[in-house]
Amino acid sequence: MKKLALFDVDFTLTKKETLIAFYAYLVKKKPALLRHLPRAIGSGLLYQLGINKEKRTKELFLAFLKDLPMKTVDKLTDDFIEDELKHFLYEDGIEKVKELKEKGYTIVLTSASPEFYILKLKEVFDADYVMGTRFLVKDGNFASIMDGENNKGAEKVRRLFEIFDKETIDFEDSYMFSDSMSDEPLLALMGKPYLINYKKKNPKYPVLYWR
């Protein structure tokens, strides 16, 4: 039976929302990308108003990469990981991944952030599997169209079972770490669920405070 250690990424292993940080990083390198800011703000507002769902919101936000060759996107994300993301990781999170890896747990990172850069964290954390929200590539270019569903909530469970047969998982001795109750479907599945830096009162699960 496999013992899993599942980790959300944004605000669980990282101190910032990675997609916003990625855009901010690219703006520093290419200030012309600021022209996409009104669209990004607008997409967020439409989501808050309930007009657009998260899927469409994310597609609109990522329009600043639309039609870029994936080779270019790949280089930009490599630079982002090296120059920025590595500097806003929780040290406690890094240590917990290492600890559980050494104990023989299968490390799984699962995030709603775009898979084109989340996949690169496999090497950073020495993870066994990484899952993010998938986006289409057309003719070698980024399409800014989501491929399937946003990897959030129940979708994370579905994606997990694309990789693992339920019968092979030791649920009782498996971990799930997340900053948000949006991950309740996975938290409820695992015998060792933890909320990270959770601030709301009366949390349903034990809370760990990572720095």
Protein backbone atom coordinates (compact mmCIF):
# COMPACT_ATOMS: atom_id res chain seq x y z
CA MET A 1 0.00 0.00 0.00
CA LYS A 2 1.28 3.46 -0.91
CA LYS A 3 1.57 6.12 1.73
CA LEU A 4 0.99 9.51 0.11
CA ALA A 5 2.02 12.98 1.22
CA LEU A 6 -0.01 15.50 -0.76
CA PHE A 7 0.81 19.19 -0.76
CA ASP A 8 -1.14 22.09 -2.18
CA VAL A 9 1.27 24.74 -3.54
CA ASP A 10 0.03 28.35 -3.32
CA PHE A 11 0.14 29.60 0.29
CA THR A 12 0.92 26.06 1.46
CA LEU A 13 4.46 25.67 0.17
CA THR A 14 4.75 29.25 -1.07
CA LYS A 15 4.29 32.61 0.66
CA LYS A 16 2.65 34.16 -2.41
CA GLU A 17 0.15 33.26 -5.10
CA THR A 18 2.43 31.95 -7.82
CA LEU A 19 0.40 33.09 -10.84
CA ILE A 20 0.32 36.72 -9.67
CA ALA A 21 4.03 36.50 -8.83
CA PHE A 22 4.76 35.07 -12.28
CA TYR A 23 2.96 37.91 -14.01
CA ALA A 24 4.69 40.52 -11.81
CA TYR A 25 8.07 38.94 -12.58
CA LEU A 26 7.44 39.11 -16.34
CA VAL A 27 6.29 42.73 -16.10
CA LYS A 28 9.63 43.62 -14.52
CA LYS A 29 11.40 42.05 -17.50
CA LYS A 30 8.94 43.33 -20.11
CA PRO A 31 7.03 46.43 -18.88
CA ALA A 32 4.93 46.36 -22.07
CA LEU A 33 3.00 43.49 -20.48
CA LEU A 34 1.34 46.07 -18.23
CA ARG A 35 -1.11 46.61 -21.07
CA HIS A 36 -2.71 43.33 -20.01
CA LEU A 37 -3.30 44.55 -16.45
CA PRO A 38 -6.79 46.04 -17.08
CA ARG A 39 -7.92 42.72 -18.54
CA ALA A 40 -6.47 40.84 -15.56
CA ILE A 41 -8.21 43.16 -13.10
CA GLY A 42 -11.43 42.96 -15.10
CA SER A 43 -11.36 39.17 -15.13
CA GLY A 44 -10.95 39.15 -11.35
CA LEU A 45 -13.82 41.59 -10.89
CA LEU A 46 -16.15 39.52 -13.10
CA TYR A 47 -15.29 36.47 -11.00
CA GLN A 48 -16.03 38.32 -7.76
CA LEU A 49 -19.37 39.43 -9.18
CA GLY A 50 -20.22 35.84 -10.09
CA ILE A 51 -20.38 36.62 -13.82
CA ASN A 52 -17.41 34.46 -14.80
CA LYS A 53 -16.38 31.16 -13.31
CA GLU A 54 -12.82 30.45 -12.22
CA LYS A 55 -12.07 28.63 -15.45
CA ARG A 56 -12.86 31.62 -17.66
CA THR A 57 -11.17 34.00 -15.20
CA LYS A 58 -7.92 32.07 -15.40
CA GLU A 59 -8.08 31.89 -19.19
CA LEU A 60 -8.55 35.67 -19.44
CA PHE A 61 -5.75 36.33 -16.98
CA LEU A 62 -3.29 34.15 -18.90
CA ALA A 63 -4.04 35.90 -22.17
CA PHE A 64 -0.73 37.75 -21.73
CA LEU A 65 0.97 34.52 -22.83
CA LYS A 66 -1.41 33.69 -25.66
CA ASP A 67 0.26 32.56 -28.92
CA LEU A 68 3.75 32.58 -27.42
CA PRO A 69 5.83 29.56 -28.50
CA MET A 70 6.00 27.02 -25.68
CA LYS A 71 9.80 27.14 -25.93
CA THR A 72 9.58 30.80 -24.92
CA VAL A 73 7.07 30.08 -22.15
CA ASP A 74 9.31 27.30 -20.89
CA LYS A 75 12.33 29.62 -20.72
CA LEU A 76 10.31 32.32 -18.93
CA THR A 77 9.07 29.83 -16.36
CA ASP A 78 12.58 28.43 -15.79
CA ASP A 79 13.79 31.96 -15.10
CA PHE A 80 10.83 32.64 -12.79
CA ILE A 81 11.47 29.48 -10.75
CA GLU A 82 15.17 30.27 -10.39
CA ASP A 83 15.01 34.03 -9.89
CA GLU A 84 11.81 34.42 -7.88
CA LEU A 85 9.85 31.39 -6.74
CA LYS A 86 12.70 29.68 -4.91
CA HIS A 87 12.95 32.76 -2.70
CA PHE A 88 9.37 32.70 -1.40
CA LEU A 89 9.05 29.08 -0.33
CA TYR A 90 8.27 28.17 3.26
CA GLU A 91 11.37 26.56 4.76
CA ASP A 92 9.14 24.50 7.04
CA GLY A 93 7.32 23.18 3.98
CA ILE A 94 10.58 22.22 2.31
CA GLU A 95 11.67 20.39 5.45
CA LYS A 96 8.35 18.55 5.76
CA VAL A 97 8.61 17.32 2.17
CA LYS A 98 12.15 16.09 2.84
CA GLU A 99 11.15 14.44 6.10
CA LEU A 100 8.27 12.50 4.57
CA LYS A 101 10.28 11.60 1.46
CA GLU A 102 12.93 10.06 3.72
CA LYS A 103 10.22 8.09 5.51
CA GLY A 104 9.17 6.52 2.22
CA TYR A 105 6.10 8.58 1.42
CA THR A 106 5.17 9.24 -2.20
CA ILE A 107 5.27 13.04 -2.59
CA VAL A 108 2.47 14.59 -4.66
CA LEU A 109 2.13 18.31 -5.37
CA THR A 110 -1.37 19.26 -6.50
CA SER A 111 -2.29 22.82 -7.42
CA ALA A 112 -4.90 24.88 -9.23
CA SER A 113 -2.07 26.95 -10.72
CA PRO A 114 -1.06 26.34 -14.36
CA GLU A 115 0.70 23.06 -14.93
CA PHE A 116 3.22 24.57 -17.37
CA TYR A 117 5.17 25.99 -14.43
CA ILE A 118 3.89 23.89 -11.53
CA LEU A 119 5.44 20.82 -13.18
CA LYS A 120 8.85 22.43 -12.74
CA LEU A 121 8.48 22.14 -8.97
CA LYS A 122 8.94 18.39 -9.30
CA GLU A 123 12.68 18.93 -9.35
CA VAL A 124 12.66 21.72 -6.75
CA PHE A 125 10.96 19.51 -4.16
CA ASP A 126 12.11 16.12 -5.44
CA ALA A 127 8.41 15.25 -5.76
CA ASP A 128 7.19 12.01 -7.30
CA TYR A 129 4.14 13.49 -9.02
CA VAL A 130 2.96 17.03 -9.78
CA MET A 131 -0.49 18.06 -10.95
CA GLY A 132 -1.68 21.52 -11.97
CA THR A 133 -4.37 23.02 -14.17
CA ARG A 134 -3.74 22.02 -17.76
CA PHE A 135 -3.80 24.43 -20.72
CA LEU A 136 -3.94 23.66 -24.40
CA VAL A 137 -1.01 24.07 -26.75
CA LYS A 138 -1.83 24.68 -30.42
CA ASP A 139 0.82 24.39 -33.12
CA GLY A 140 3.50 24.65 -30.46
CA ASN A 141 2.04 27.86 -28.99
CA PHE A 142 0.30 28.55 -25.68
CA ALA A 143 -3.44 28.84 -26.34
CA SER A 144 -4.71 30.28 -23.03
CA ILE A 145 -7.55 27.75 -23.14
CA MET A 146 -7.98 25.41 -20.21
CA ASP A 147 -7.68 21.73 -21.02
CA GLY A 148 -10.32 20.10 -18.84
CA GLU A 149 -11.25 21.56 -15.47
CA ASN A 150 -9.54 23.82 -12.98
CA ASN A 151 -7.52 21.53 -10.68
CA LYS A 152 -9.36 22.49 -7.51
CA GLY A 153 -11.63 20.81 -4.99
CA ALA A 154 -13.15 17.57 -6.24
CA GLU A 155 -11.09 17.81 -9.44
CA LYS A 156 -7.94 17.23 -7.38
CA VAL A 157 -9.41 13.93 -6.18
CA ARG A 158 -10.32 12.90 -9.71
CA ARG A 159 -6.82 13.73 -10.96
CA LEU A 160 -5.27 11.81 -8.06
CA PHE A 161 -7.19 8.70 -9.08
CA GLU A 162 -5.95 9.09 -12.64
CA ILE A 163 -2.55 8.21 -11.22
CA PHE A 164 -3.30 5.87 -8.34
CA ASP A 165 -5.74 2.99 -7.97
CA LYS A 166 -7.78 3.58 -4.80
CA GLU A 167 -7.01 0.06 -3.65
CA THR A 168 -3.28 0.81 -3.59
CA ILE A 169 -3.45 3.82 -1.22
CA ASP A 170 -3.03 3.64 2.53
CA PHE A 171 -5.47 6.48 3.20
CA GLU A 172 -5.25 6.20 6.99
CA ASP A 173 -1.49 6.83 7.03
CA SER A 174 -1.45 9.43 4.20
CA TYR A 175 -1.08 13.20 4.59
CA MET A 176 -2.71 16.22 2.97
CA PHE A 177 -1.41 19.76 3.58
CA SER A 178 -3.36 22.80 2.41
CA ASP A 179 -3.96 26.43 3.36
CA SER A 180 -7.61 26.32 2.29
CA MET A 181 -10.83 24.43 2.92
CA SER A 182 -11.34 24.43 -0.83
CA ASP A 183 -9.21 21.28 -0.54
CA GLU A 184 -11.76 19.65 1.76
CA PRO A 185 -12.34 16.74 -0.70
CA LEU A 186 -8.68 15.70 -0.33
CA LEU A 187 -8.35 16.69 3.32
CA ALA A 188 -11.32 14.48 4.19
CA LEU A 189 -9.85 11.52 2.32
CA MET A 190 -6.53 11.41 4.12
CA GLY A 191 -6.02 10.17 7.66
CA LYS A 192 -3.53 12.94 8.43
CA PRO A 193 -4.97 16.26 7.15
CA TYR A 194 -3.37 19.59 8.10
CA LEU A 195 -4.20 23.20 7.41
CA ILE A 196 -1.25 25.55 6.91
CA ASN A 197 -1.25 29.04 8.49
CA TYR A 198 -5.03 28.89 8.65
CA LYS A 199 -6.54 32.01 10.25
CA LYS A 200 -10.26 31.31 10.53
CA LYS A 201 -11.73 30.34 13.87
CA ASN A 202 -12.65 26.79 14.83
CA PRO A 203 -10.72 24.96 12.12
CA LYS A 204 -11.97 21.50 11.23
CA TYR A 205 -8.42 20.12 10.99
CA PRO A 206 -5.16 20.62 12.92
CA VAL A 207 -3.27 23.78 11.92
CA LEU A 208 0.49 24.04 11.34
CA TYR A 209 2.23 27.39 11.21
CA TRP A 210 4.97 27.39 8.61
CA ARG A 211 7.62 30.04 8.04
